């Protein structure tokens, strides 16, 4: 459980290809957060761009002051801030989240970072003044990881995709390079936005090139008598070079099922999974699925 971060985009937006529940109401959101805390999860991932996710967390903290999470949040790519305004902006986030300090403040993505490079030093100042313990950036591909690791020494955390398809064969050497620089590795997209649960006969045409890889995955699951959820999560959790794995849920029952999968340690056929090599790498980024 100490490697789990609960993602909260689902608390503020309808999100994910496999999301049948939609955004939970406030009561259900509180149930999710309360169960997460009671089960030992202590870190939440959110962002200014995740609808009203930050407000929901803040209301939870206000109602349950003895259940304060450590918060990772991200600067919106669509902000209208000017140079010199960032520290006040981060302080505003803390007030909204009803917390005294952030665990980490991040750039939402690489493009936003490059467009707002003038804020890099203000991020560093925010860390030095204690508004946030750490600073980080959410990345998508190995070229971005390389640039950050080679050229920006102040980042403490990178958040990257890592899953059964976006796997060790594609990521390991870049992750190890980052770790040598003392950077924490947080991974997301463990279920590839729900794709691993999708029925093959209902696969969107845009994603049809992924069918052979999904069939390979199906064969691995059948041969080892694994369910998708446990296999996907244990694959990531068992990678010692990953510090934290981020998961998202729409309901409390989903969270409880996930927790059961965390605790259901199985002997993963890592070599079989790592041999899955998706050539259509652009389809590993869900933002390309509708383009």
C-alpha atoms as a PDB file:
ATOM      1  CA  UNK A   1       0.000   0.000   0.000  1.00  0.00           C
ATOM      2  CA  UNK A   2       2.936   2.349   0.555  1.00  0.00           C
ATOM      3  CA  UNK A   3       3.541   2.452  -3.232  1.00  0.00           C
ATOM      4  CA  UNK A   4      -0.007   3.579  -4.093  1.00  0.00           C
ATOM      5  CA  UNK A   5      -1.147   7.077  -5.057  1.00  0.00           C
ATOM      6  CA  UNK A   6      -4.875   7.651  -5.582  1.00  0.00           C
ATOM      7  CA  UNK A   7      -5.543   9.695  -8.708  1.00  0.00           C
ATOM      8  CA  UNK A   8      -8.541  11.988  -8.432  1.00  0.00           C
ATOM      9  CA  UNK A   9      -9.279  13.149 -11.977  1.00  0.00           C
ATOM     10  CA  UNK A  10     -12.409  10.967 -11.794  1.00  0.00           C
ATOM     11  CA  UNK A  11     -13.656  13.002  -8.817  1.00  0.00           C
ATOM     12  CA  UNK A  12     -13.762  16.128 -10.953  1.00  0.00           C
ATOM     13  CA  UNK A  13     -14.432  14.912 -14.507  1.00  0.00           C
ATOM     14  CA  UNK A  14     -15.977  12.051 -16.499  1.00  0.00           C
ATOM     15  CA  UNK A  15     -12.772  10.291 -17.524  1.00  0.00           C
ATOM     16  CA  UNK A  16     -11.570   7.091 -19.217  1.00  0.00           C
ATOM     17  CA  UNK A  17     -12.573   4.855 -22.131  1.00  0.00           C
ATOM     18  CA  UNK A  18     -13.973   2.231 -19.732  1.00  0.00           C
ATOM     19  CA  UNK A  19     -15.741   4.665 -17.365  1.00  0.00           C
ATOM     20  CA  UNK A  20     -19.377   3.551 -17.146  1.00  0.00           C
ATOM     21  CA  UNK A  21     -20.125   5.249 -13.816  1.00  0.00           C
ATOM     22  CA  UNK A  22     -19.376   8.857 -14.669  1.00  0.00           C
ATOM     23  CA  UNK A  23     -18.198  11.396 -12.131  1.00  0.00           C
ATOM     24  CA  UNK A  24     -19.178  10.382  -8.561  1.00  0.00           C
ATOM     25  CA  UNK A  25     -21.294  12.726  -6.445  1.00  0.00           C
ATOM     26  CA  UNK A  26     -19.819  14.392  -3.371  1.00  0.00           C
ATOM     27  CA  UNK A  27     -21.015  11.695  -0.979  1.00  0.00           C
ATOM     28  CA  UNK A  28     -19.488   8.903  -3.075  1.00  0.00           C
ATOM     29  CA  UNK A  29     -16.289  10.945  -3.491  1.00  0.00           C
ATOM     30  CA  UNK A  30     -16.045  11.261   0.289  1.00  0.00           C
ATOM     31  CA  UNK A  31     -16.587   7.490   0.624  1.00  0.00           C
ATOM     32  CA  UNK A  32     -13.735   6.859  -1.808  1.00  0.00           C
ATOM     33  CA  UNK A  33     -11.380   9.228   0.018  1.00  0.00           C
ATOM     34  CA  UNK A  34     -12.353   7.923   3.448  1.00  0.00           C
ATOM     35  CA  UNK A  35     -11.809   4.285   2.412  1.00  0.00           C
ATOM     36  CA  UNK A  36      -8.472   5.169   0.811  1.00  0.00           C
ATOM     37  CA  UNK A  37      -7.288   6.825   4.021  1.00  0.00           C
ATOM     38  CA  UNK A  38      -8.554   4.017   6.243  1.00  0.00           C
ATOM     39  CA  UNK A  39      -6.754   1.441   4.066  1.00  0.00           C
ATOM     40  CA  UNK A  40      -3.443   3.259   4.335  1.00  0.00           C
ATOM     41  CA  UNK A  41      -3.253   5.365   1.154  1.00  0.00           C
ATOM     42  CA  UNK A  42      -1.781   8.749   2.061  1.00  0.00           C
ATOM     43  CA  UNK A  43      -1.065  10.465  -1.273  1.00  0.00           C
ATOM     44  CA  UNK A  44      -3.573  11.985  -3.711  1.00  0.00           C
ATOM     45  CA  UNK A  45      -2.790  13.144  -7.250  1.00  0.00           C
ATOM     46  CA  UNK A  46      -4.898  15.960  -8.644  1.00  0.00           C
ATOM     47  CA  UNK A  47      -4.534  19.001 -10.933  1.00  0.00           C
ATOM     48  CA  UNK A  48      -5.973  22.428 -11.505  1.00  0.00           C
ATOM     49  CA  UNK A  49      -7.359  21.119 -14.811  1.00  0.00           C
ATOM     50  CA  UNK A  50      -9.295  18.213 -13.214  1.00  0.00           C
ATOM     51  CA  UNK A  51     -12.669  19.940 -12.973  1.00  0.00           C
ATOM     52  CA  UNK A  52     -13.597  20.472  -9.322  1.00  0.00           C
ATOM     53  CA  UNK A  53     -11.344  17.682  -8.015  1.00  0.00           C
ATOM     54  CA  UNK A  54      -9.319  20.066  -5.840  1.00  0.00           C
ATOM     55  CA  UNK A  55     -12.477  21.510  -4.300  1.00  0.00           C
ATOM     56  CA  UNK A  56     -13.769  18.018  -3.461  1.00  0.00           C
ATOM     57  CA  UNK A  57     -10.495  17.167  -1.711  1.00  0.00           C
ATOM     58  CA  UNK A  58     -10.556  20.474   0.148  1.00  0.00           C
ATOM     59  CA  UNK A  59     -14.112  19.869   1.349  1.00  0.00           C
ATOM     60  CA  UNK A  60     -13.096  16.400   2.539  1.00  0.00           C
ATOM     61  CA  UNK A  61     -10.123  17.800   4.466  1.00  0.00           C
ATOM     62  CA  UNK A  62     -12.338  20.456   6.032  1.00  0.00           C
ATOM     63  CA  UNK A  63     -14.925  17.886   7.126  1.00  0.00           C
ATOM     64  CA  UNK A  64     -12.337  15.335   8.295  1.00  0.00           C
ATOM     65  CA  UNK A  65      -9.375  17.345   9.681  1.00  0.00           C
ATOM     66  CA  UNK A  66      -7.817  14.176  11.098  1.00  0.00           C
ATOM     67  CA  UNK A  67      -7.619  12.649   7.598  1.00  0.00           C
ATOM     68  CA  UNK A  68      -5.353  15.013   5.700  1.00  0.00           C
ATOM     69  CA  UNK A  69      -3.684  13.542   2.607  1.00  0.00           C
ATOM     70  CA  UNK A  70      -0.355  14.515   1.071  1.00  0.00           C
ATOM     71  CA  UNK A  71      -1.238  16.267  -2.189  1.00  0.00           C
ATOM     72  CA  UNK A  72       0.383  16.304  -5.616  1.00  0.00           C
ATOM     73  CA  UNK A  73      -1.194  18.860  -7.926  1.00  0.00           C
ATOM     74  CA  UNK A  74      -0.297  20.420 -11.262  1.00  0.00           C
ATOM     75  CA  UNK A  75      -0.229  23.850 -12.859  1.00  0.00           C
ATOM     76  CA  UNK A  76      -2.956  24.111 -15.488  1.00  0.00           C
ATOM     77  CA  UNK A  77      -1.644  24.299 -19.039  1.00  0.00           C
ATOM     78  CA  UNK A  78      -4.334  26.934 -19.683  1.00  0.00           C
ATOM     79  CA  UNK A  79      -3.440  29.297 -16.853  1.00  0.00           C
ATOM     80  CA  UNK A  80      -3.272  33.075 -17.293  1.00  0.00           C
ATOM     81  CA  UNK A  81      -0.534  33.735 -14.728  1.00  0.00           C
ATOM     82  CA  UNK A  82       2.195  36.293 -15.239  1.00  0.00           C
ATOM     83  CA  UNK A  83       5.785  36.128 -14.059  1.00  0.00           C
ATOM     84  CA  UNK A  84       5.997  36.611 -10.311  1.00  0.00           C
ATOM     85  CA  UNK A  85       2.454  35.379  -9.592  1.00  0.00           C
ATOM     86  CA  UNK A  86       3.138  31.678  -9.146  1.00  0.00           C
ATOM     87  CA  UNK A  87       3.845  31.599  -5.404  1.00  0.00           C
ATOM     88  CA  UNK A  88       0.546  33.297  -4.585  1.00  0.00           C
ATOM     89  CA  UNK A  89      -1.144  30.905  -7.000  1.00  0.00           C
ATOM     90  CA  UNK A  90       0.309  27.836  -5.242  1.00  0.00           C
ATOM     91  CA  UNK A  91      -0.754  29.284  -1.899  1.00  0.00           C
ATOM     92  CA  UNK A  92      -4.269  29.609  -3.344  1.00  0.00           C
ATOM     93  CA  UNK A  93      -4.167  25.921  -4.263  1.00  0.00           C
ATOM     94  CA  UNK A  94      -3.238  25.055  -0.681  1.00  0.00           C
ATOM     95  CA  UNK A  95      -6.211  27.031   0.605  1.00  0.00           C
ATOM     96  CA  UNK A  96      -8.528  25.337  -1.892  1.00  0.00           C
ATOM     97  CA  UNK A  97      -7.168  21.917  -0.909  1.00  0.00           C
ATOM     98  CA  UNK A  98      -7.321  22.831   2.777  1.00  0.00           C
ATOM     99  CA  UNK A  99      -3.707  21.817   3.377  1.00  0.00           C
ATOM    100  CA  UNK A 100      -0.711  23.721   4.725  1.00  0.00           C
ATOM    101  CA  UNK A 101       1.817  22.437   2.220  1.00  0.00           C
ATOM    102  CA  UNK A 102       1.852  20.446  -1.024  1.00  0.00           C
ATOM    103  CA  UNK A 103       3.822  17.235  -1.295  1.00  0.00           C
ATOM    104  CA  UNK A 104       4.617  18.138  -4.913  1.00  0.00           C
ATOM    105  CA  UNK A 105       3.706  20.836  -7.421  1.00  0.00           C
ATOM    106  CA  UNK A 106       4.113  19.782 -11.025  1.00  0.00           C
ATOM    107  CA  UNK A 107       4.022  21.077 -14.565  1.00  0.00           C
ATOM    108  CA  UNK A 108       0.993  19.405 -16.156  1.00  0.00           C
ATOM    109  CA  UNK A 109       2.942  18.219 -19.197  1.00  0.00           C
ATOM    110  CA  UNK A 110       6.144  18.753 -21.150  1.00  0.00           C
ATOM    111  CA  UNK A 111       4.616  21.162 -23.672  1.00  0.00           C
ATOM    112  CA  UNK A 112       3.278  23.363 -20.893  1.00  0.00           C
ATOM    113  CA  UNK A 113       6.688  23.337 -19.214  1.00  0.00           C
ATOM    114  CA  UNK A 114       8.459  24.460 -22.375  1.00  0.00           C
ATOM    115  CA  UNK A 115       5.886  27.199 -22.943  1.00  0.00           C
ATOM    116  CA  UNK A 116       6.265  28.355 -19.345  1.00  0.00           C
ATOM    117  CA  UNK A 117       9.984  27.812 -18.830  1.00  0.00           C
ATOM    118  CA  UNK A 118      10.128  31.193 -17.055  1.00  0.00           C
ATOM    119  CA  UNK A 119       8.221  29.593 -14.154  1.00  0.00           C
ATOM    120  CA  UNK A 120      10.909  26.963 -13.549  1.00  0.00           C
ATOM    121  CA  UNK A 121      12.833  29.180 -11.106  1.00  0.00           C
ATOM    122  CA  UNK A 122       9.570  30.087  -9.341  1.00  0.00           C
ATOM    123  CA  UNK A 123       8.873  26.368  -8.900  1.00  0.00           C
ATOM    124  CA  UNK A 124      12.314  26.061  -7.302  1.00  0.00           C
ATOM    125  CA  UNK A 125      11.563  29.039  -5.044  1.00  0.00           C
ATOM    126  CA  UNK A 126       8.249  27.452  -4.014  1.00  0.00           C
ATOM    127  CA  UNK A 127      10.212  24.408  -2.849  1.00  0.00           C
ATOM    128  CA  UNK A 128      12.810  26.498  -1.016  1.00  0.00           C
ATOM    129  CA  UNK A 129      10.145  28.520   0.799  1.00  0.00           C
ATOM    130  CA  UNK A 130       8.242  25.394   1.851  1.00  0.00           C
ATOM    131  CA  UNK A 131       5.036  25.891  -0.153  1.00  0.00           C
ATOM    132  CA  UNK A 132       5.759  22.486  -1.639  1.00  0.00           C
ATOM    133  CA  UNK A 133       8.143  19.765  -0.487  1.00  0.00           C
ATOM    134  CA  UNK A 134       8.998  18.714  -4.035  1.00  0.00           C
ATOM    135  CA  UNK A 135       8.573  19.823  -7.626  1.00  0.00           C
ATOM    136  CA  UNK A 136       7.928  17.634 -10.633  1.00  0.00           C
ATOM    137  CA  UNK A 137       6.639  17.212 -14.142  1.00  0.00           C
ATOM    138  CA  UNK A 138       4.267  14.840 -15.917  1.00  0.00           C
ATOM    139  CA  UNK A 139       5.816  13.343 -19.067  1.00  0.00           C
ATOM    140  CA  UNK A 140       4.709  11.082 -21.918  1.00  0.00           C
ATOM    141  CA  UNK A 141       7.687   9.783 -23.864  1.00  0.00           C
ATOM    142  CA  UNK A 142      11.345   8.874 -23.520  1.00  0.00           C
ATOM    143  CA  UNK A 143      12.621  11.943 -25.368  1.00  0.00           C
ATOM    144  CA  UNK A 144      10.919  14.125 -22.780  1.00  0.00           C
ATOM    145  CA  UNK A 145      12.388  12.066 -19.939  1.00  0.00           C
ATOM    146  CA  UNK A 146      15.852  12.459 -21.460  1.00  0.00           C
ATOM    147  CA  UNK A 147      15.552  16.231 -21.741  1.00  0.00           C
ATOM    148  CA  UNK A 148      14.367  16.670 -18.159  1.00  0.00           C
ATOM    149  CA  UNK A 149      16.984  14.327 -16.687  1.00  0.00           C
ATOM    150  CA  UNK A 150      19.837  15.858 -18.672  1.00  0.00           C
ATOM    151  CA  UNK A 151      18.995  19.547 -18.394  1.00  0.00           C
ATOM    152  CA  UNK A 152      16.832  20.344 -15.347  1.00  0.00           C
ATOM    153  CA  UNK A 153      18.403  19.286 -12.079  1.00  0.00           C
ATOM    154  CA  UNK A 154      15.807  20.668  -9.659  1.00  0.00           C
ATOM    155  CA  UNK A 155      12.982  18.261 -10.456  1.00  0.00           C
ATOM    156  CA  UNK A 156      12.402  15.719  -7.690  1.00  0.00           C
ATOM    157  CA  UNK A 157       9.674  13.658  -9.399  1.00  0.00           C
ATOM    158  CA  UNK A 158       8.711  12.620 -12.902  1.00  0.00           C
ATOM    159  CA  UNK A 159       5.320  11.037 -13.555  1.00  0.00           C
ATOM    160  CA  UNK A 160       5.265   8.767 -16.592  1.00  0.00           C
ATOM    161  CA  UNK A 161       3.043   6.118 -18.222  1.00  0.00           C
ATOM    162  CA  UNK A 162       3.981   2.537 -17.369  1.00  0.00           C
ATOM    163  CA  UNK A 163       1.844  -0.545 -17.901  1.00  0.00           C
ATOM    164  CA  UNK A 164       1.553  -3.937 -19.604  1.00  0.00           C
ATOM    165  CA  UNK A 165       2.075  -2.317 -23.041  1.00  0.00           C
ATOM    166  CA  UNK A 166       4.094   0.778 -22.129  1.00  0.00           C
ATOM    167  CA  UNK A 167       6.388  -1.635 -20.344  1.00  0.00           C
ATOM    168  CA  UNK A 168       9.920  -2.300 -19.181  1.00  0.00           C
ATOM    169  CA  UNK A 169      11.244  -2.886 -22.690  1.00  0.00           C
ATOM    170  CA  UNK A 170      10.258   0.689 -23.568  1.00  0.00           C
ATOM    171  CA  UNK A 171      11.031   2.503 -20.314  1.00  0.00           C
ATOM    172  CA  UNK A 172      13.603   0.817 -18.082  1.00  0.00           C
ATOM    173  CA  UNK A 173      16.839   2.404 -19.287  1.00  0.00           C
ATOM    174  CA  UNK A 174      15.310   5.894 -19.142  1.00  0.00           C
ATOM    175  CA  UNK A 175      13.907   5.255 -15.669  1.00  0.00           C
ATOM    176  CA  UNK A 176      17.264   4.013 -14.416  1.00  0.00           C
ATOM    177  CA  UNK A 177      18.942   7.116 -15.820  1.00  0.00           C
ATOM    178  CA  UNK A 178      16.472   9.302 -13.921  1.00  0.00           C
ATOM    179  CA  UNK A 179      16.925   7.344 -10.687  1.00  0.00           C
ATOM    180  CA  UNK A 180      20.703   7.818 -10.883  1.00  0.00           C
ATOM    181  CA  UNK A 181      19.985  11.551 -10.713  1.00  0.00           C
ATOM    182  CA  UNK A 182      17.913  11.005  -7.555  1.00  0.00           C
ATOM    183  CA  UNK A 183      14.552  11.486  -9.290  1.00  0.00           C
ATOM    184  CA  UNK A 184      11.480   9.664  -7.953  1.00  0.00           C
ATOM    185  CA  UNK A 185       9.510   7.638 -10.488  1.00  0.00           C
ATOM    186  CA  UNK A 186       5.713   7.885 -10.296  1.00  0.00           C
ATOM    187  CA  UNK A 187       3.787   5.870 -12.876  1.00  0.00           C
ATOM    188  CA  UNK A 188       0.266   6.306 -14.201  1.00  0.00           C
ATOM    189  CA  UNK A 189      -2.000   4.679 -16.802  1.00  0.00           C
ATOM    190  CA  UNK A 190      -1.716   1.238 -15.189  1.00  0.00           C
ATOM    191  CA  UNK A 191      -4.854   0.101 -17.058  1.00  0.00           C
ATOM    192  CA  UNK A 192      -4.115   2.276 -20.124  1.00  0.00           C
ATOM    193  CA  UNK A 193      -7.276   4.252 -19.361  1.00  0.00           C
ATOM    194  CA  UNK A 194      -9.305   1.058 -19.111  1.00  0.00           C
ATOM    195  CA  UNK A 195      -8.230  -0.402 -22.458  1.00  0.00           C
ATOM    196  CA  UNK A 196      -7.087  -3.684 -20.877  1.00  0.00           C
ATOM    197  CA  UNK A 197     -10.673  -4.341 -19.745  1.00  0.00           C
ATOM    198  CA  UNK A 198     -12.216  -3.521 -23.127  1.00  0.00           C
ATOM    199  CA  UNK A 199     -13.995  -6.302 -25.036  1.00  0.00           C
ATOM    200  CA  UNK A 200     -12.197  -7.020 -28.289  1.00  0.00           C
ATOM    201  CA  UNK A 201     -15.427  -7.158 -30.302  1.00  0.00           C
ATOM    202  CA  UNK A 202     -16.203  -3.602 -29.124  1.00  0.00           C
ATOM    203  CA  UNK A 203     -12.744  -2.159 -29.748  1.00  0.00           C
ATOM    204  CA  UNK A 204     -12.937   1.271 -31.438  1.00  0.00           C
ATOM    205  CA  UNK A 205     -11.649   1.248 -35.021  1.00  0.00           C
ATOM    206  CA  UNK A 206      -8.916   3.728 -34.131  1.00  0.00           C
ATOM    207  CA  UNK A 207      -7.507   1.218 -31.627  1.00  0.00           C
ATOM    208  CA  UNK A 208      -7.746  -1.850 -33.866  1.00  0.00           C
ATOM    209  CA  UNK A 209      -3.947  -1.924 -34.424  1.00  0.00           C
ATOM    210  CA  UNK A 210      -3.650  -2.820 -30.729  1.00  0.00           C
ATOM    211  CA  UNK A 211      -5.726  -5.987 -31.191  1.00  0.00           C
ATOM    212  CA  UNK A 212      -2.751  -8.386 -31.672  1.00  0.00           C
ATOM    213  CA  UNK A 213      -1.152  -7.137 -28.459  1.00  0.00           C
ATOM    214  CA  UNK A 214      -4.419  -7.473 -26.562  1.00  0.00           C
ATOM    215  CA  UNK A 215      -4.667 -11.045 -27.842  1.00  0.00           C
ATOM    216  CA  UNK A 216      -1.125 -11.738 -26.597  1.00  0.00           C
ATOM    217  CA  UNK A 217      -2.112 -10.358 -23.227  1.00  0.00           C
ATOM    218  CA  UNK A 218      -5.218 -12.524 -23.222  1.00  0.00           C
ATOM    219  CA  UNK A 219      -3.048 -15.602 -23.842  1.00  0.00           C
ATOM    220  CA  UNK A 220      -0.747 -14.692 -20.934  1.00  0.00           C
ATOM    221  CA  UNK A 221      -3.727 -14.248 -18.621  1.00  0.00           C
ATOM    222  CA  UNK A 222      -5.270 -17.562 -19.709  1.00  0.00           C
ATOM    223  CA  UNK A 223      -2.022 -19.531 -19.397  1.00  0.00           C
ATOM    224  CA  UNK A 224      -1.429 -18.247 -15.875  1.00  0.00           C
ATOM    225  CA  UNK A 225      -5.075 -17.991 -14.727  1.00  0.00           C
ATOM    226  CA  UNK A 226      -4.720 -14.251 -13.965  1.00  0.00           C
ATOM    227  CA  UNK A 227      -7.407 -11.595 -14.006  1.00  0.00           C
ATOM    228  CA  UNK A 228      -6.646  -8.338 -15.788  1.00  0.00           C
ATOM    229  CA  UNK A 229      -6.779  -6.120 -12.734  1.00  0.00           C
ATOM    230  CA  UNK A 230      -4.351  -8.106 -10.583  1.00  0.00           C
ATOM    231  CA  UNK A 231      -1.932  -8.740 -13.449  1.00  0.00           C
ATOM    232  CA  UNK A 232      -1.820  -5.068 -14.490  1.00  0.00           C
ATOM    233  CA  UNK A 233      -1.231  -3.759 -10.982  1.00  0.00           C
ATOM    234  CA  UNK A 234       1.155  -6.434  -9.756  1.00  0.00           C
ATOM    235  CA  UNK A 235       3.259  -6.033 -12.901  1.00  0.00           C
ATOM    236  CA  UNK A 236       3.941  -2.414 -11.983  1.00  0.00           C
ATOM    237  CA  UNK A 237       4.127  -2.876  -8.214  1.00  0.00           C
ATOM    238  CA  UNK A 238       6.781  -5.578  -8.540  1.00  0.00           C
ATOM    239  CA  UNK A 239       9.156  -3.304 -10.464  1.00  0.00           C
ATOM    240  CA  UNK A 240      11.601  -2.218  -7.772  1.00  0.00           C
ATOM    241  CA  UNK A 241      12.742   0.830  -9.746  1.00  0.00           C
ATOM    242  CA  UNK A 242       9.244   2.367  -9.531  1.00  0.00           C
ATOM    243  CA  UNK A 243       8.605   4.419  -6.389  1.00  0.00           C
ATOM    244  CA  UNK A 244       4.831   4.934  -6.692  1.00  0.00           C
ATOM    245  CA  UNK A 245       1.951   3.732  -8.848  1.00  0.00           C
ATOM    246  CA  UNK A 246      -1.033   5.993  -9.460  1.00  0.00           C
ATOM    247  CA  UNK A 247      -4.514   4.515  -9.802  1.00  0.00           C
ATOM    248  CA  UNK A 248      -7.921   6.113 -10.316  1.00  0.00           C
ATOM    249  CA  UNK A 249     -11.417   4.879  -9.443  1.00  0.00           C
ATOM    250  CA  UNK A 250     -15.014   6.029  -9.909  1.00  0.00           C
ATOM    251  CA  UNK A 251     -16.509   4.094  -6.978  1.00  0.00           C
ATOM    252  CA  UNK A 252     -15.608   2.871  -3.518  1.00  0.00           C
ATOM    253  CA  UNK A 253     -16.163  -0.747  -4.615  1.00  0.00           C
ATOM    254  CA  UNK A 254     -13.608  -0.324  -7.418  1.00  0.00           C
ATOM    255  CA  UNK A 255     -11.116   0.984  -4.875  1.00  0.00           C
ATOM    256  CA  UNK A 256     -11.705  -2.012  -2.599  1.00  0.00           C
ATOM    257  CA  UNK A 257     -11.199  -4.398  -5.549  1.00  0.00           C
ATOM    258  CA  UNK A 258      -7.969  -2.610  -6.417  1.00  0.00           C
ATOM    259  CA  UNK A 259      -6.754  -2.871  -2.823  1.00  0.00           C
ATOM    260  CA  UNK A 260      -7.472  -6.600  -2.915  1.00  0.00           C
ATOM    261  CA  UNK A 261      -5.351  -6.825  -6.065  1.00  0.00           C
ATOM    262  CA  UNK A 262      -2.494  -4.920  -4.395  1.00  0.00           C
ATOM    263  CA  UNK A 263      -2.440  -7.484  -1.636  1.00  0.00           C
ATOM    264  CA  UNK A 264      -2.890 -10.546  -3.879  1.00  0.00           C
ATOM    265  CA  UNK A 265       0.781 -11.131  -4.659  1.00  0.00           C
ATOM    266  CA  UNK A 266       1.234 -13.365  -7.707  1.00  0.00           C
ATOM    267  CA  UNK A 267       4.192 -14.695  -9.668  1.00  0.00           C
ATOM    268  CA  UNK A 268       4.182 -12.402 -12.698  1.00  0.00           C
ATOM    269  CA  UNK A 269       5.647 -13.706 -16.005  1.00  0.00           C
ATOM    270  CA  UNK A 270       7.637 -10.485 -16.453  1.00  0.00           C
ATOM    271  CA  UNK A 271       9.623 -11.705 -19.454  1.00  0.00           C
ATOM    272  CA  UNK A 272       6.439 -12.560 -21.378  1.00  0.00           C
ATOM    273  CA  UNK A 273       4.936  -9.154 -20.708  1.00  0.00           C
ATOM    274  CA  UNK A 274       8.158  -7.283 -21.409  1.00  0.00           C
ATOM    275  CA  UNK A 275       8.366  -9.049 -24.787  1.00  0.00           C
ATOM    276  CA  UNK A 276       5.107  -7.370 -25.880  1.00  0.00           C
ATOM    277  CA  UNK A 277       6.390  -4.636 -28.162  1.00  0.00           C
ATOM    278  CA  UNK A 278       3.714  -2.240 -29.397  1.00  0.00           C
ATOM    279  CA  UNK A 279       5.073  -0.760 -32.612  1.00  0.00           C
ATOM    280  CA  UNK A 280       2.248   1.783 -32.903  1.00  0.00           C
ATOM    281  CA  UNK A 281       3.634   3.764 -29.980  1.00  0.00           C
ATOM    282  CA  UNK A 282       1.436   6.804 -30.637  1.00  0.00           C
ATOM    283  CA  UNK A 283      -1.544   4.679 -29.535  1.00  0.00           C
ATOM    284  CA  UNK A 284       0.030   4.229 -26.108  1.00  0.00           C
ATOM    285  CA  UNK A 285      -0.885   7.866 -25.454  1.00  0.00           C
ATOM    286  CA  UNK A 286      -4.686   8.027 -24.911  1.00  0.00           C
ATOM    287  CA  UNK A 287      -4.726  11.680 -25.986  1.00  0.00           C
ATOM    288  CA  UNK A 288      -4.140  10.384 -29.533  1.00  0.00           C
ATOM    289  CA  UNK A 289      -7.144   8.073 -29.520  1.00  0.00           C
ATOM    290  CA  UNK A 290      -9.594  10.726 -30.711  1.00  0.00           C
ATOM    291  CA  UNK A 291      -7.293  12.608 -33.052  1.00  0.00           C
END
